[in-house]
Amino acid sequence: MAAYDTKDVAELLRQLGANDRLLAEAYVFGSVQGDGDDARKIAALHKKALLRPDDEPGDYRVSAELKRMLNRLMRKQSSYRQLTDMGKVIDVLEDTVNDYRLSVIADQQDDAEYYLDQLDDLLYEAKDNLNVSLDNMHYAISSQFGFVSTISAKVRENERALSYAQKLLTELQQIDPETCYEWMNWACPVELARKISGFIYWFNQTLPRLRFIIDSMRLSLFKLRRDEKQASLLRNMARYLHKHPEFQIAEDIFENKNLPTTLRFAPAMPIKSYINVRETANEEALISIIQSLRKLNKPAQSTIRETSEVEVLDNVEMSFSYDYFEEQTERLFEKAITSGKPVSAIIFWQQALQEWHEAEQHIEPIPWVELVFSSYCKLTNAQQALIDIRPKGKQLEGISHNWSYSDIVVQVYS
């Protein structure tokens, strides 16, 4: 309740008290008309979800939540059958329609009105529950499951929602709504025919909507898994760079005599991630940027479409392509694991030159060393815990902690 203000709750209670007559008429007589003097009040109650539209245009009924509360307070018998799944909903609706038919045939108007009211509540709750579920799934997809922050959690929520939606679609596809027309194969009143035909129309519109949501979930899951893979690659690379810093500026670098005087005594460079609009020096540059952006807002003139013929070519079989040297890096890691000895990337390159030339493949030493390092960063955490790489090189002159690597030695942790 902390998310609500006491003023909002008090305003809702005041609306209940100020419109007690309208709500009482809608509860006792089943509905009220919204095209009279009370049209504005009824619209306000509908906005607050205290009234809902009826099948008859212009009529309004008490909402299901308010009606359940009034039934409990007035000790009135309400529907004890729970809406667990759509199959059971169809069975409950069929029983209610049968009770209504027997009451109409026996000319028991009070009982017939009661069963018709029960049927209306059942139909509304069934449609409202499923519509709310579909709306929640659509909102979760649109917001990229914004209620969780990490990509792995988004993937799990997407998988869970997709599994639920697929099970729901399988359940709904087992139901034939056309069989509901059999409930009207007698001289039924117009009210019953309108309610049943409206339910069948809604059911036929729900299945395509659910299929569209499932397709959107599959696409969203594909994108999230791709983002998760890229994030894992970046984390592994950042973890390695953190453990093996190639470049690190020392705090006493300004005292290094190997540096030029201009660098040792130069002031620190002010670096900012934003533009200070209060500085007059940036005024002219900002004005030119704004003017150039305004010019881009001019609508583009529509061009006349050109027609051309489309040439349809026969399907051509394509052979499976792969990166040859990616496979060679896997052979390098495999050799280090099977032999248990350190393996140099340059020595491996020299030994495999003849074989690569026979296969008409060629790569320079520097790109080969960079490819080995990149392949190591793509390994999983468990694989990186097994394999270690040690770069070889020499320190560059002029600045500390700066190295030039010419080889990488791959070895297995003992």
Protein backbone atom coordinates (compact mmCIF):
# COMPACT_ATOMS: atom_id res chain seq x y z
CA MET A 1 0.00 0.00 0.00
CA ALA A 2 3.03 2.29 0.21
CA ALA A 3 2.77 2.94 -3.53
CA TYR A 4 -0.60 4.67 -3.10
CA ASP A 5 -1.40 8.04 -1.59
CA THR A 6 -4.10 8.45 1.03
CA LYS A 7 -5.64 11.22 -1.07
CA ASP A 8 -6.15 8.85 -4.01
CA VAL A 9 -7.83 6.25 -1.79
CA ALA A 10 -10.02 8.92 -0.18
CA GLU A 11 -11.03 10.24 -3.60
CA LEU A 12 -12.06 6.73 -4.73
CA LEU A 13 -14.12 6.22 -1.58
CA ARG A 14 -15.79 9.63 -2.09
CA GLN A 15 -16.77 8.61 -5.62
CA LEU A 16 -18.31 5.42 -4.27
CA GLY A 17 -20.34 7.41 -1.77
CA ALA A 18 -21.32 10.21 -4.15
CA ASN A 19 -22.60 7.76 -6.79
CA ASP A 20 -24.21 5.25 -4.47
CA ARG A 21 -27.56 5.36 -6.31
CA LEU A 22 -26.05 4.64 -9.73
CA LEU A 23 -23.93 1.78 -8.42
CA ALA A 24 -26.89 0.31 -6.52
CA GLU A 25 -29.09 0.39 -9.65
CA ALA A 26 -26.35 -1.21 -11.74
CA TYR A 27 -25.91 -3.95 -9.12
CA VAL A 28 -29.60 -4.68 -8.49
CA PHE A 29 -31.04 -4.26 -12.00
CA GLY A 30 -28.00 -5.62 -13.84
CA SER A 31 -27.12 -2.47 -15.82
CA VAL A 32 -27.68 1.27 -16.17
CA GLN A 33 -27.97 3.45 -19.25
CA GLY A 34 -25.19 5.95 -19.91
CA ASP A 35 -27.02 8.33 -22.27
CA GLY A 36 -29.08 10.29 -19.72
CA ASP A 37 -28.44 13.01 -17.16
CA ASP A 38 -25.95 10.78 -15.40
CA ALA A 39 -23.75 10.27 -18.46
CA ARG A 40 -20.87 12.28 -16.99
CA LYS A 41 -21.01 10.41 -13.67
CA ILE A 42 -21.13 7.06 -15.45
CA ALA A 43 -18.10 8.03 -17.57
CA ALA A 44 -16.17 8.94 -14.42
CA LEU A 45 -17.10 5.61 -12.79
CA HIS A 46 -16.03 3.79 -15.94
CA LYS A 47 -12.70 5.62 -15.85
CA LYS A 48 -12.18 4.45 -12.26
CA ALA A 49 -12.96 0.83 -13.33
CA LEU A 50 -16.07 0.72 -11.13
CA LEU A 51 -18.37 0.19 -14.14
CA ARG A 52 -17.75 -1.73 -17.36
CA PRO A 53 -19.54 -1.59 -20.74
CA ASP A 54 -22.32 -4.09 -21.38
CA ASP A 55 -22.97 -5.98 -24.62
CA GLU A 56 -25.83 -3.59 -25.31
CA PRO A 57 -24.39 -0.26 -26.55
CA GLY A 58 -24.84 2.52 -24.01
CA ASP A 59 -25.40 0.20 -21.03
CA TYR A 60 -22.95 -0.30 -18.17
CA ARG A 61 -22.58 -3.02 -15.55
CA VAL A 62 -20.81 -3.17 -12.20
CA SER A 63 -17.19 -4.32 -12.61
CA ALA A 64 -16.38 -7.90 -11.65
CA GLU A 65 -14.16 -6.91 -8.70
CA LEU A 66 -16.77 -4.59 -7.18
CA LYS A 67 -19.54 -7.11 -7.78
CA ARG A 68 -17.62 -9.89 -5.99
CA MET A 69 -17.11 -7.59 -3.02
CA LEU A 70 -20.82 -6.65 -2.92
CA ASN A 71 -21.82 -10.30 -3.21
CA ARG A 72 -19.73 -11.14 -0.16
CA LEU A 73 -21.06 -8.19 1.85
CA MET A 74 -24.70 -8.82 0.83
CA ARG A 75 -24.36 -12.57 1.49
CA LYS A 76 -25.47 -13.20 -2.10
CA GLN A 77 -24.70 -16.51 -3.77
CA SER A 78 -21.91 -15.97 -6.30
CA SER A 79 -20.25 -18.27 -8.78
CA TYR A 80 -18.18 -20.83 -6.89
CA ARG A 81 -16.53 -22.24 -10.04
CA GLN A 82 -12.97 -21.08 -10.57
CA LEU A 83 -11.66 -20.10 -14.01
CA THR A 84 -8.56 -22.30 -14.06
CA ASP A 85 -8.12 -22.93 -17.80
CA MET A 86 -10.07 -22.28 -20.98
CA GLY A 87 -11.23 -25.89 -21.26
CA LYS A 88 -12.92 -25.72 -17.87
CA VAL A 89 -14.27 -22.28 -18.75
CA ILE A 90 -16.05 -23.79 -21.77
CA ASP A 91 -17.54 -26.53 -19.56
CA VAL A 92 -18.75 -23.98 -17.00
CA LEU A 93 -20.26 -21.81 -19.73
CA GLU A 94 -22.04 -24.79 -21.26
CA ASP A 95 -23.57 -25.72 -17.88
CA THR A 96 -24.69 -22.13 -17.29
CA VAL A 97 -26.25 -21.89 -20.76
CA ASN A 98 -28.08 -25.18 -20.16
CA ASP A 99 -29.45 -23.90 -16.83
CA TYR A 100 -30.55 -20.69 -18.56
CA ARG A 101 -32.26 -22.65 -21.35
CA LEU A 102 -34.21 -24.81 -18.88
CA SER A 103 -35.30 -21.73 -16.93
CA VAL A 104 -36.51 -19.97 -20.10
CA ILE A 105 -38.43 -23.06 -21.27
CA ALA A 106 -40.05 -23.40 -17.85
CA ASP A 107 -40.92 -19.67 -17.90
CA GLN A 108 -38.95 -19.01 -14.68
CA GLN A 109 -37.93 -15.43 -15.35
CA ASP A 110 -36.08 -14.82 -12.07
CA ASP A 111 -33.90 -17.92 -12.47
CA ALA A 112 -33.30 -17.13 -16.14
CA GLU A 113 -32.18 -13.61 -15.26
CA TYR A 114 -29.86 -14.99 -12.57
CA TYR A 115 -28.21 -17.49 -14.94
CA LEU A 116 -27.88 -14.87 -17.69
CA ASP A 117 -26.15 -12.59 -15.19
CA GLN A 118 -23.83 -15.44 -14.17
CA LEU A 119 -23.06 -16.13 -17.83
CA ASP A 120 -22.19 -12.48 -18.44
CA ASP A 121 -19.82 -12.44 -15.46
CA LEU A 122 -18.13 -15.67 -16.55
CA LEU A 123 -17.62 -14.44 -20.10
CA TYR A 124 -16.24 -11.09 -18.95
CA GLU A 125 -13.83 -12.64 -16.41
CA ALA A 126 -12.59 -15.20 -18.95
CA LYS A 127 -11.90 -12.53 -21.56
CA ASP A 128 -10.49 -10.04 -19.04
CA ASN A 129 -8.07 -12.56 -17.47
CA LEU A 130 -6.68 -13.65 -20.83
CA ASN A 131 -6.49 -10.09 -22.16
CA VAL A 132 -4.58 -8.96 -19.06
CA SER A 133 -2.16 -11.88 -19.49
CA LEU A 134 -1.56 -10.99 -23.15
CA ASP A 135 -1.13 -7.30 -22.31
CA ASN A 136 1.44 -8.14 -19.64
CA MET A 137 3.39 -10.33 -22.05
CA HIS A 138 3.30 -7.65 -24.74
CA TYR A 139 4.50 -5.02 -22.24
CA ALA A 140 7.35 -7.30 -21.12
CA ILE A 141 8.52 -7.68 -24.72
CA SER A 142 8.16 -3.97 -25.52
CA SER A 143 10.18 -2.99 -22.46
CA GLN A 144 12.82 -5.69 -23.07
CA PHE A 145 11.88 -7.19 -19.67
CA GLY A 146 12.80 -3.92 -17.99
CA PHE A 147 11.82 -5.18 -14.53
CA VAL A 148 15.21 -6.98 -14.38
CA SER A 149 18.56 -5.34 -15.07
CA THR A 150 21.09 -8.02 -16.05
CA ILE A 151 21.09 -9.64 -19.49
CA SER A 152 21.15 -13.17 -18.03
CA ALA A 153 18.02 -12.39 -15.99
CA LYS A 154 16.33 -10.98 -19.09
CA VAL A 155 17.13 -14.19 -20.97
CA ARG A 156 15.63 -16.32 -18.18
CA GLU A 157 12.48 -14.19 -18.01
CA ASN A 158 12.12 -14.33 -21.79
CA GLU A 159 12.50 -18.12 -21.82
CA ARG A 160 9.95 -18.47 -19.00
CA ALA A 161 7.44 -16.18 -20.73
CA LEU A 162 7.93 -17.95 -24.08
CA SER A 163 7.33 -21.37 -22.48
CA TYR A 164 4.13 -20.10 -20.83
CA ALA A 165 2.87 -18.53 -24.06
CA GLN A 166 3.53 -21.71 -26.07
CA LYS A 167 1.67 -23.84 -23.51
CA LEU A 168 -1.22 -21.36 -23.55
CA LEU A 169 -1.37 -21.47 -27.36
CA THR A 170 -1.35 -25.29 -27.33
CA GLU A 171 -4.22 -25.26 -24.85
CA LEU A 172 -6.30 -22.75 -26.81
CA GLN A 173 -5.72 -24.56 -30.12
CA GLN A 174 -7.37 -27.68 -28.67
CA ILE A 175 -10.63 -25.75 -28.30
CA ASP A 176 -13.01 -25.38 -31.24
CA PRO A 177 -15.06 -22.21 -30.64
CA GLU A 178 -17.46 -23.17 -33.43
CA THR A 179 -18.98 -25.77 -31.10
CA CYS A 180 -20.32 -22.90 -28.98
CA TYR A 181 -22.86 -22.22 -31.73
CA GLU A 182 -24.62 -25.42 -30.57
CA TRP A 183 -25.64 -23.53 -27.43
CA MET A 184 -27.96 -21.44 -29.62
CA ASN A 185 -29.68 -24.27 -31.57
CA TRP A 186 -32.99 -23.47 -29.90
CA ALA A 187 -35.28 -20.45 -29.84
CA CYS A 188 -32.91 -18.56 -27.55
CA PRO A 189 -33.37 -14.86 -26.68
CA VAL A 190 -31.33 -12.24 -28.47
CA GLU A 191 -29.31 -11.45 -25.31
CA LEU A 192 -27.88 -14.98 -25.15
CA ALA A 193 -27.08 -15.10 -28.88
CA ARG A 194 -25.28 -11.75 -28.69
CA LYS A 195 -23.14 -12.82 -25.73
CA ILE A 196 -22.14 -16.19 -27.24
CA SER A 197 -21.39 -14.79 -30.70
CA GLY A 198 -19.30 -12.01 -29.12
CA PHE A 199 -17.31 -14.61 -27.16
CA ILE A 200 -16.65 -16.66 -30.30
CA TYR A 201 -15.52 -13.55 -32.21
CA TRP A 202 -13.18 -12.55 -29.36
CA PHE A 203 -11.71 -16.07 -29.16
CA ASN A 204 -10.95 -16.13 -32.90
CA GLN A 205 -9.22 -12.73 -32.60
CA THR A 206 -7.13 -13.84 -29.60
CA LEU A 207 -5.25 -16.71 -31.25
CA PRO A 208 -3.52 -14.58 -33.96
CA ARG A 209 -2.58 -12.05 -31.31
CA LEU A 210 -1.01 -14.77 -29.17
CA ARG A 211 0.90 -16.14 -32.16
CA PHE A 212 2.26 -12.66 -32.89
CA ILE A 213 3.40 -12.34 -29.26
CA ILE A 214 5.17 -15.72 -29.45
CA ASP A 215 7.00 -14.69 -32.64
CA SER A 216 8.06 -11.43 -30.96
CA MET A 217 9.29 -13.39 -27.93
CA ARG A 218 11.40 -15.67 -30.12
CA LEU A 219 12.98 -12.69 -31.86
CA SER A 220 13.58 -10.95 -28.52
CA LEU A 221 15.16 -14.12 -27.08
CA PHE A 222 17.50 -14.38 -30.09
CA LYS A 223 18.64 -10.77 -29.65
CA LEU A 224 19.11 -11.16 -25.88
CA ARG A 225 21.18 -14.32 -26.29
CA ARG A 226 23.34 -12.55 -28.89
CA ASP A 227 23.84 -9.60 -26.51
CA GLU A 228 24.67 -12.02 -23.68
CA LYS A 229 27.33 -13.69 -25.83
CA GLN A 230 28.87 -10.34 -26.76
CA ALA A 231 28.82 -9.20 -23.14
CA SER A 232 30.53 -12.43 -22.06
CA LEU A 233 33.23 -11.88 -24.68
CA LEU A 234 33.82 -8.32 -23.48
CA ARG A 235 33.95 -9.43 -19.84
CA ASN A 236 36.52 -12.11 -20.64
CA MET A 237 38.66 -9.64 -22.57
CA ALA A 238 38.40 -7.03 -19.80
CA ARG A 239 39.29 -9.66 -17.19
CA TYR A 240 42.39 -10.66 -19.10
CA LEU A 241 43.49 -7.07 -19.67
CA HIS A 242 42.99 -6.39 -15.97
CA LYS A 243 45.22 -9.34 -15.07
CA HIS A 244 47.83 -8.51 -17.76
CA PRO A 245 48.06 -4.71 -18.04
CA GLU A 246 50.05 -3.81 -21.14
CA PHE A 247 50.05 -0.10 -20.44
CA GLN A 248 49.86 1.56 -17.05
CA ILE A 249 50.82 5.15 -16.32
CA ALA A 250 52.88 5.47 -13.15
CA GLU A 251 52.06 8.21 -10.67
CA ASP A 252 55.64 9.54 -10.78
CA ILE A 253 55.86 9.61 -14.57
CA PHE A 254 56.39 13.39 -14.55
CA GLU A 255 59.78 12.76 -12.85
CA ASN A 256 61.01 10.47 -15.63
CA LYS A 257 64.01 12.14 -17.27
CA ASN A 258 63.47 10.22 -20.52
CA LEU A 259 60.35 12.29 -21.24
CA PRO A 260 60.59 15.64 -23.01
CA THR A 261 60.35 18.73 -20.85
CA THR A 262 57.07 19.81 -22.44
CA LEU A 263 55.44 16.55 -21.40
CA ARG A 264 56.87 16.49 -17.89
CA PHE A 265 55.67 19.97 -16.96
CA ALA A 266 52.50 20.18 -19.10
CA PRO A 267 49.23 20.68 -17.17
CA ALA A 268 46.70 17.89 -17.04
CA MET A 269 44.30 17.71 -19.98
CA PRO A 270 40.71 18.50 -18.95
CA ILE A 271 38.60 15.69 -20.36
CA LYS A 272 34.81 15.81 -20.02
CA SER A 273 32.01 13.63 -21.31
CA TYR A 274 29.70 16.60 -21.91
CA ILE A 275 29.73 20.13 -23.35
CA ASN A 276 29.74 23.08 -20.98
CA VAL A 277 27.13 25.33 -22.58
CA ARG A 278 28.03 28.22 -20.28
CA GLU A 279 31.45 28.71 -21.87
CA THR A 280 31.34 31.44 -24.51
CA ALA A 281 34.14 29.77 -26.45
CA ASN A 282 31.77 26.94 -27.41
CA GLU A 283 28.94 29.27 -28.45
CA GLU A 284 29.80 29.52 -32.14
CA ALA A 285 30.37 25.78 -32.52
CA LEU A 286 27.06 24.98 -30.80
CA ILE A 287 25.17 27.46 -32.99
CA SER A 288 26.59 25.92 -36.16
CA ILE A 289 25.64 22.42 -34.96
CA ILE A 290 22.08 23.50 -34.16
CA GLN A 291 21.66 25.22 -37.52
CA SER A 292 22.95 22.16 -39.38
CA LEU A 293 20.49 19.96 -37.46
CA ARG A 294 17.62 22.30 -38.34
CA LYS A 295 18.48 21.98 -42.00
CA LEU A 296 18.19 18.22 -41.70
CA ASN A 297 14.58 18.57 -40.49
CA LYS A 298 13.39 19.80 -43.89
CA PRO A 299 11.06 17.22 -45.45
CA ALA A 300 12.60 15.40 -48.35
CA GLN A 301 10.88 15.78 -51.68
CA SER A 302 9.15 12.67 -52.89
CA THR A 303 10.74 11.14 -55.96
CA ILE A 304 8.93 9.43 -58.76
CA ARG A 305 9.17 5.69 -58.51
CA GLU A 306 11.05 3.88 -61.20
CA THR A 307 9.84 0.56 -62.51
CA SER A 308 12.18 -2.24 -63.46
CA GLU A 309 12.03 -5.92 -64.15
CA VAL A 310 13.08 -8.50 -61.57
CA GLU A 311 15.20 -11.33 -62.87
CA VAL A 312 14.70 -14.60 -61.02
CA LEU A 313 17.81 -16.78 -60.99
CA ASP A 314 17.98 -20.47 -60.29
CA ASN A 315 19.00 -21.59 -56.83
CA VAL A 316 22.71 -22.29 -56.63
CA GLU A 317 24.14 -24.62 -54.03
CA MET A 318 26.73 -22.96 -51.81
CA SER A 319 29.43 -24.86 -50.01
CA PHE A 320 29.83 -24.46 -46.28
CA SER A 321 32.45 -21.81 -45.54
CA TYR A 322 34.51 -21.46 -42.41
CA ASP A 323 37.54 -19.55 -41.18
CA TYR A 324 40.60 -21.65 -41.88
CA PHE A 325 42.87 -19.96 -39.38
CA GLU A 326 40.27 -20.06 -36.62
CA GLU A 327 40.56 -23.85 -36.91
CA GLN A 328 44.36 -23.55 -36.75
CA THR A 329 44.16 -21.65 -33.45
CA GLU A 330 42.01 -24.49 -32.09
CA ARG A 331 44.74 -26.92 -33.17
CA LEU A 332 47.29 -24.76 -31.34
CA PHE A 333 45.28 -24.91 -28.09
CA GLU A 334 44.66 -28.63 -28.60
CA LYS A 335 48.39 -29.26 -28.99
CA ALA A 336 49.13 -27.37 -25.77
CA ILE A 337 46.51 -29.40 -23.87
CA THR A 338 47.46 -32.84 -25.22
CA SER A 339 51.21 -32.38 -24.93
CA GLY A 340 51.13 -30.57 -21.59
CA LYS A 341 54.05 -28.42 -22.71
CA PRO A 342 54.22 -24.71 -23.60
CA VAL A 343 53.59 -24.05 -27.30
CA SER A 344 54.83 -20.90 -29.00
CA ALA A 345 52.50 -19.30 -31.53
CA ILE A 346 55.43 -18.28 -33.79
CA ILE A 347 57.01 -21.75 -33.69
CA PHE A 348 53.64 -23.30 -34.49
CA TRP A 349 53.30 -20.83 -37.37
CA GLN A 350 56.73 -21.76 -38.75
CA GLN A 351 56.03 -25.50 -38.52
CA ALA A 352 52.64 -25.17 -40.26
CA LEU A 353 53.80 -22.89 -43.08
CA GLN A 354 54.33 -25.71 -45.57
CA GLU A 355 50.95 -27.27 -44.86
CA TRP A 356 49.22 -23.88 -45.16
CA HIS A 357 50.95 -23.11 -48.46
CA GLU A 358 49.79 -26.45 -49.84
CA ALA A 359 46.24 -25.49 -48.82
CA GLU A 360 46.75 -22.09 -50.49
CA GLN A 361 46.36 -20.26 -47.17
CA HIS A 362 48.67 -17.51 -45.95
CA ILE A 363 48.86 -15.26 -42.90
CA GLU A 364 51.57 -12.93 -41.60
CA PRO A 365 53.15 -13.48 -38.13
CA ILE A 366 51.70 -10.34 -36.52
CA PRO A 367 48.05 -11.04 -37.55
CA TRP A 368 48.59 -14.67 -36.48
CA VAL A 369 49.67 -13.62 -32.96
CA GLU A 370 46.71 -11.20 -32.72
CA LEU A 371 44.34 -13.98 -33.85
CA VAL A 372 45.66 -16.33 -31.15
CA PHE A 373 45.08 -13.66 -28.50
CA SER A 374 41.56 -12.95 -29.82
CA SER A 375 40.71 -16.67 -29.81
CA TYR A 376 41.87 -16.93 -26.21
CA CYS A 377 39.55 -14.07 -25.20
CA LYS A 378 36.61 -15.94 -26.78
CA LEU A 379 37.11 -18.96 -24.49
CA THR A 380 34.75 -19.55 -21.59
CA ASN A 381 35.74 -18.95 -17.98
CA ALA A 382 36.28 -22.68 -17.40
CA GLN A 383 38.53 -22.92 -20.46
CA GLN A 384 40.53 -19.82 -19.50
CA ALA A 385 41.02 -21.30 -16.03
CA LEU A 386 42.72 -24.28 -17.73
CA ILE A 387 44.81 -22.45 -20.34
CA ASP A 388 47.17 -19.52 -19.80
CA ILE A 389 49.01 -17.36 -22.33
CA ARG A 390 52.25 -15.50 -21.74
CA PRO A 391 53.15 -12.77 -24.26
CA LYS A 392 56.80 -12.24 -25.19
CA GLY A 393 58.22 -8.89 -26.20
CA LYS A 394 60.43 -5.99 -25.29
CA GLN A 395 59.84 -2.75 -23.43
CA LEU A 396 59.62 0.36 -25.55
CA GLU A 397 61.81 3.33 -24.74
CA GLY A 398 60.48 6.72 -23.76
CA ILE A 399 57.69 5.63 -21.40
CA SER A 400 57.40 3.04 -18.68
CA HIS A 401 55.18 -0.06 -18.71
CA ASN A 402 54.76 -0.04 -22.49
CA TRP A 403 55.64 -3.28 -24.31
CA SER A 404 55.69 -4.53 -27.89
CA TYR A 405 54.76 -8.24 -28.10
CA SER A 406 56.12 -10.45 -30.86
CA ASP A 407 55.01 -13.91 -29.67
CA ILE A 408 52.50 -15.67 -27.38
CA VAL A 409 53.24 -18.88 -25.48
CA VAL A 410 50.23 -21.08 -24.72
CA GLN A 411 50.49 -23.48 -21.80
CA VAL A 412 48.26 -25.47 -19.48
CA TYR A 413 48.12 -24.80 -15.77
CA SER A 414 49.85 -27.58 -13.87
